[in-house]
Amino acid sequence: MKIIILLFIFSLMLIEVRSKNGYPIDHTGCKIWCVFNHYCSRFCSNYKGSGYCYLLHCWCDNIQDWVPTWKKETNKC
């Protein structure tokens, strides 16, 4: 019984929540522009994450994997 409990605890530690961080992009492929943190916080919470304004663009933490984010290689702006 102790082994089962230990295996259960270790399996919980190994489970990784899949999420990503980055600059979300709009339909044109450009970063979301911002000045104040509260706008980004509300924007990122729509994607089940949190965020803030960083270098005049929204940065989101722990957003869902399907949310498109800006990449230097595919920069369109």
N, C-alpha and C. Protein backbone atom coordinates (compact mmCIF):
# COMPACT_ATOMS: atom_id res chain seq x y z
N MET A 1 0.82 -1.19 0.00
CA MET A 1 0.00 0.00 0.00
C MET A 1 0.87 1.26 0.00
N LYS A 2 1.97 1.22 0.75
CA LYS A 2 2.86 2.38 0.79
C LYS A 2 3.48 2.64 -0.58
N ILE A 3 3.80 1.57 -1.28
CA ILE A 3 4.40 1.72 -2.61
C ILE A 3 3.41 2.37 -3.57
N ILE A 4 2.17 2.01 -3.49
CA ILE A 4 1.15 2.61 -4.36
C ILE A 4 1.03 4.10 -4.07
N ILE A 5 1.03 4.46 -2.81
CA ILE A 5 0.94 5.87 -2.44
C ILE A 5 2.17 6.63 -2.93
N LEU A 6 3.36 6.04 -2.76
CA LEU A 6 4.58 6.69 -3.24
C LEU A 6 4.58 6.84 -4.76
N LEU A 7 4.15 5.82 -5.47
CA LEU A 7 4.07 5.91 -6.92
C LEU A 7 3.08 6.99 -7.35
N PHE A 8 1.99 7.09 -6.65
CA PHE A 8 1.01 8.13 -6.96
C PHE A 8 1.59 9.52 -6.75
N ILE A 9 2.29 9.71 -5.66
CA ILE A 9 2.91 11.02 -5.37
C ILE A 9 3.97 11.35 -6.42
N PHE A 10 4.82 10.38 -6.77
CA PHE A 10 5.84 10.63 -7.78
C PHE A 10 5.23 10.91 -9.14
N SER A 11 4.15 10.24 -9.47
CA SER A 11 3.51 10.49 -10.76
C SER A 11 2.92 11.89 -10.81
N LEU A 12 2.41 12.38 -9.69
CA LEU A 12 1.91 13.76 -9.66
C LEU A 12 3.03 14.76 -9.87
N MET A 13 4.22 14.45 -9.37
CA MET A 13 5.36 15.35 -9.54
C MET A 13 5.85 15.35 -10.98
N LEU A 14 5.68 14.25 -11.68
CA LEU A 14 6.16 14.15 -13.05
C LEU A 14 5.20 14.75 -14.06
N ILE A 15 3.94 14.91 -13.68
CA ILE A 15 2.96 15.46 -14.60
C ILE A 15 3.27 16.94 -14.80
N GLU A 16 3.42 17.30 -16.04
CA GLU A 16 3.77 18.68 -16.37
C GLU A 16 2.57 19.35 -17.03
N VAL A 17 2.22 20.52 -16.56
CA VAL A 17 1.13 21.27 -17.17
C VAL A 17 1.68 21.95 -18.41
N ARG A 18 1.07 21.68 -19.53
CA ARG A 18 1.53 22.22 -20.79
C ARG A 18 1.01 23.64 -20.98
N SER A 19 1.89 24.58 -21.05
CA SER A 19 1.54 25.96 -21.31
C SER A 19 2.75 26.64 -21.94
N LYS A 20 2.51 27.82 -22.44
CA LYS A 20 3.64 28.53 -23.05
C LYS A 20 3.59 30.00 -22.67
N ASN A 21 4.67 30.68 -22.94
CA ASN A 21 4.81 32.10 -22.66
C ASN A 21 5.21 32.79 -23.95
N GLY A 22 4.86 34.05 -24.08
CA GLY A 22 5.29 34.79 -25.25
C GLY A 22 4.40 35.97 -25.55
N TYR A 23 4.72 36.63 -26.66
CA TYR A 23 3.92 37.75 -27.14
C TYR A 23 2.80 37.19 -28.01
N PRO A 24 1.54 37.32 -27.61
CA PRO A 24 0.47 36.87 -28.50
C PRO A 24 0.39 37.80 -29.72
N ILE A 25 -0.08 37.27 -30.83
CA ILE A 25 -0.16 38.06 -32.06
C ILE A 25 -1.62 38.21 -32.49
N ASP A 26 -1.86 39.26 -33.28
CA ASP A 26 -3.20 39.47 -33.81
C ASP A 26 -3.35 38.76 -35.16
N HIS A 27 -4.43 39.03 -35.86
CA HIS A 27 -4.70 38.34 -37.12
C HIS A 27 -3.71 38.69 -38.23
N THR A 28 -2.97 39.78 -38.09
CA THR A 28 -1.97 40.15 -39.09
C THR A 28 -0.59 39.59 -38.78
N GLY A 29 -0.43 38.97 -37.62
CA GLY A 29 0.86 38.41 -37.23
C GLY A 29 1.72 39.36 -36.42
N CYS A 30 1.14 40.49 -36.02
CA CYS A 30 1.88 41.49 -35.23
C CYS A 30 1.59 41.32 -33.75
N LYS A 31 2.55 41.75 -32.93
CA LYS A 31 2.36 41.71 -31.48
C LYS A 31 1.22 42.64 -31.07
N ILE A 32 0.60 42.33 -29.93
CA ILE A 32 -0.47 43.16 -29.38
C ILE A 32 0.17 44.37 -28.69
N TRP A 33 -0.19 45.56 -29.12
CA TRP A 33 0.38 46.80 -28.60
C TRP A 33 -0.28 47.18 -27.29
N CYS A 34 0.48 47.76 -26.35
CA CYS A 34 -0.08 48.16 -25.06
C CYS A 34 0.73 49.30 -24.46
N VAL A 35 0.15 49.91 -23.42
CA VAL A 35 0.84 50.91 -22.61
C VAL A 35 0.70 50.55 -21.14
N PHE A 36 -0.47 50.04 -20.76
CA PHE A 36 -0.75 49.73 -19.36
C PHE A 36 -0.90 48.23 -19.13
N ASN A 37 -0.51 47.77 -17.96
CA ASN A 37 -0.56 46.35 -17.61
C ASN A 37 -1.98 45.80 -17.56
N HIS A 38 -2.95 46.60 -17.12
CA HIS A 38 -4.29 46.05 -16.94
C HIS A 38 -4.90 45.57 -18.26
N TYR A 39 -4.55 46.20 -19.38
CA TYR A 39 -5.05 45.73 -20.67
C TYR A 39 -4.51 44.33 -20.98
N CYS A 40 -3.22 44.13 -20.79
CA CYS A 40 -2.61 42.83 -21.07
C CYS A 40 -3.09 41.76 -20.10
N SER A 41 -3.29 42.14 -18.87
CA SER A 41 -3.78 41.19 -17.88
C SER A 41 -5.15 40.66 -18.30
N ARG A 42 -6.04 41.55 -18.73
CA ARG A 42 -7.37 41.12 -19.19
C ARG A 42 -7.26 40.33 -20.48
N PHE A 43 -6.40 40.76 -21.40
CA PHE A 43 -6.24 40.08 -22.68
C PHE A 43 -5.74 38.65 -22.47
N CYS A 44 -4.71 38.48 -21.65
CA CYS A 44 -4.13 37.16 -21.43
C CYS A 44 -5.05 36.26 -20.61
N SER A 45 -5.86 36.83 -19.75
CA SER A 45 -6.78 35.99 -18.97
C SER A 45 -7.83 35.35 -19.87
N ASN A 46 -8.09 35.91 -21.04
CA ASN A 46 -8.99 35.26 -22.01
C ASN A 46 -8.42 33.94 -22.50
N TYR A 47 -7.10 33.79 -22.43
CA TYR A 47 -6.42 32.56 -22.84
C TYR A 47 -5.95 31.75 -21.64
N LYS A 48 -6.58 31.95 -20.50
CA LYS A 48 -6.31 31.20 -19.26
C LYS A 48 -4.90 31.42 -18.74
N GLY A 49 -4.37 32.62 -18.93
CA GLY A 49 -3.04 32.93 -18.45
C GLY A 49 -3.02 34.27 -17.73
N SER A 50 -1.83 34.78 -17.54
CA SER A 50 -1.66 36.10 -16.94
C SER A 50 -0.69 36.87 -17.83
N GLY A 51 -0.69 38.19 -17.68
CA GLY A 51 0.19 38.96 -18.54
C GLY A 51 0.42 40.36 -18.05
N TYR A 52 1.32 41.03 -18.72
CA TYR A 52 1.68 42.40 -18.40
C TYR A 52 2.25 43.06 -19.65
N CYS A 53 2.35 44.38 -19.59
CA CYS A 53 2.90 45.15 -20.71
C CYS A 53 4.43 45.18 -20.57
N TYR A 54 5.13 44.75 -21.62
CA TYR A 54 6.59 44.70 -21.60
C TYR A 54 7.09 45.26 -22.93
N LEU A 55 7.83 46.33 -22.88
CA LEU A 55 8.38 46.99 -24.07
C LEU A 55 7.28 47.35 -25.07
N LEU A 56 6.17 47.89 -24.55
CA LEU A 56 5.02 48.35 -25.33
C LEU A 56 4.27 47.23 -26.06
N HIS A 57 4.47 45.99 -25.65
CA HIS A 57 3.72 44.87 -26.20
C HIS A 57 3.29 43.94 -25.07
N CYS A 58 2.17 43.27 -25.27
CA CYS A 58 1.65 42.36 -24.24
C CYS A 58 2.49 41.09 -24.19
N TRP A 59 2.91 40.72 -23.01
CA TRP A 59 3.60 39.46 -22.75
C TRP A 59 2.68 38.61 -21.90
N CYS A 60 2.42 37.37 -22.34
CA CYS A 60 1.53 36.47 -21.61
C CYS A 60 2.30 35.29 -21.05
N ASP A 61 2.00 34.91 -19.83
CA ASP A 61 2.57 33.73 -19.18
C ASP A 61 1.48 32.68 -19.01
N ASN A 62 1.87 31.43 -19.20
CA ASN A 62 0.99 30.28 -18.97
C ASN A 62 -0.29 30.33 -19.79
N ILE A 63 -0.16 30.69 -21.06
CA ILE A 63 -1.33 30.67 -21.94
C ILE A 63 -1.43 29.30 -22.60
N GLN A 64 -2.58 29.02 -23.17
CA GLN A 64 -2.82 27.72 -23.78
C GLN A 64 -1.92 27.54 -25.00
N ASP A 65 -1.60 26.28 -25.31
CA ASP A 65 -0.66 25.98 -26.39
C ASP A 65 -1.15 26.41 -27.77
N TRP A 66 -2.44 26.44 -27.99
CA TRP A 66 -2.97 26.76 -29.32
C TRP A 66 -2.93 28.25 -29.64
N VAL A 67 -2.64 29.10 -28.66
CA VAL A 67 -2.61 30.55 -28.89
C VAL A 67 -1.36 30.89 -29.72
N PRO A 68 -1.53 31.57 -30.86
CA PRO A 68 -0.35 31.92 -31.66
C PRO A 68 0.47 33.01 -30.98
N THR A 69 1.77 32.80 -30.95
CA THR A 69 2.68 33.77 -30.34
C THR A 69 3.72 34.22 -31.36
N TRP A 70 4.29 35.38 -31.13
CA TRP A 70 5.26 35.97 -32.04
C TRP A 70 6.57 35.19 -31.99
N LYS A 71 7.15 34.98 -33.16
CA LYS A 71 8.46 34.35 -33.28
C LYS A 71 9.32 35.19 -34.22
N LYS A 72 10.57 35.32 -33.89
CA LYS A 72 11.48 36.13 -34.69
C LYS A 72 11.58 35.60 -36.12
N GLU A 73 11.53 34.28 -36.28
CA GLU A 73 11.69 33.67 -37.59
C GLU A 73 10.51 33.96 -38.51
N THR A 74 9.33 34.13 -37.94
CA THR A 74 8.13 34.35 -38.75
C THR A 74 7.59 35.77 -38.59
N ASN A 75 8.45 36.70 -38.28
CA ASN A 75 8.05 38.09 -38.06
C ASN A 75 7.48 38.68 -39.35
N LYS A 76 6.27 39.25 -39.25
CA LYS A 76 5.64 39.89 -40.41
C LYS A 76 5.53 41.40 -40.25
N CYS A 77 5.92 41.92 -39.11
CA CYS A 77 5.77 43.37 -38.85
C CYS A 77 7.12 44.05 -38.77
